[in-house]
Amino acid sequence: EVQLVESGGGLVQAGGSLRLSCAASGLSFDDYSIGWFRQAPGKEREGVACFASIDDTTYYADSVKGRFTISVDNAKNTVDLQMKSLNPEDTAVYYCVAEDLDKGECTAWYIDPSQADADYWGQGTQVTVAS
């Protein structure tokens, strides 16, 4: 059974930082793209960051480039998202997501979010940025 368990969300002031972590079990990062989506109330879900170890593909949404960093620890089977310079627009539920590499590298992050068909989702962790 595949499980993705997020941790590290919370409340932070604008300009602050948070680090999210996802512990994966039941899958290997050698077989999956792994990363993060987010969804704010009333908004479409957004692919935030992704990493595919097969060729070191790394994806960041334009809205987070230069502020967020994804990192993967293959030995621990964890994927972290370091978030800096947070602003209220970053407020959302953040989900750890895994997509089979048979679909390509980080495909779910590149395509229209409404068409994204990732294989596994965590339960989500709330990030709230206060102004």
Foldseek 3Di string as FASTA:
>chain_A
DKAWAKDWADEAAAQAKTKMKIQIPDDALQFKKKAKWWDDPPDFIAGAWIARPPPGDIDGDPVQPPFWDWDADRVRRMIMIIGGNDDQVPWTWMKIFIAGCVVPHPVCNPDDVVPRDTDDIHPTDTHGYHD
